[in-house]
Amino acid sequence: MRRSDREIKDLNEIINVIQQCDTCRVGLMDGKVPYIVPLSFGFREENGKIALYFHSAPEGKKIRLMEENKVAGFEMDTAHELIESKTACGYGMNYKCVLGVGTISFIEEFDEKRAALSILMEQYTANRDLPFSDNMIKAVKVIRLEVEEISCKCCNR
């Protein structure tokens, strides 16, 4: 990161930023071009490693690309605030962002899918005991992105 004064290295602070985000953009390769898709997400930290969880329809371009290449990039951001100025070049933006790279896998086992979907719901609601019907769990594709590289930036001017 060029501006090391804006880098957040502490894992607990990174997790705090992740908790503030509401969308994770996942970057996949479609041949020689990138394909970026915004997704709802959840996450877990275990032993200093972060895993991101997503849900999807079981078929489609995103799933096909994930099956073809298990490596993915991701980005999420929050705390956007426009900095106004009397001149165009004086304008700026405050924000916090997290980005990284990881490996994708699909969760197939029924109870693991239920647990991952609950993790996803925790990102958006305090109600952690929302029920999932068996049919819902069977119908959805659950994706895990094991984060291998992560960086976090807080841009406050």
Foldseek 3Di string as FASTA:
>chain_A
DVPVVFWDDDPVVVVVFVLQWAWKWKWFDDDPDIDIDIFQWFWDDDPNWIKIKTKDFCDDDVNVRCVVFFKMKMKTKDDWDWDDDPDPVPIDIWIKMKIAMFGKDWDDDQVVLVVRVLRSVVSPDPPSPDDDDSVNSNRMIMMMTTTDDMIMGTDDD
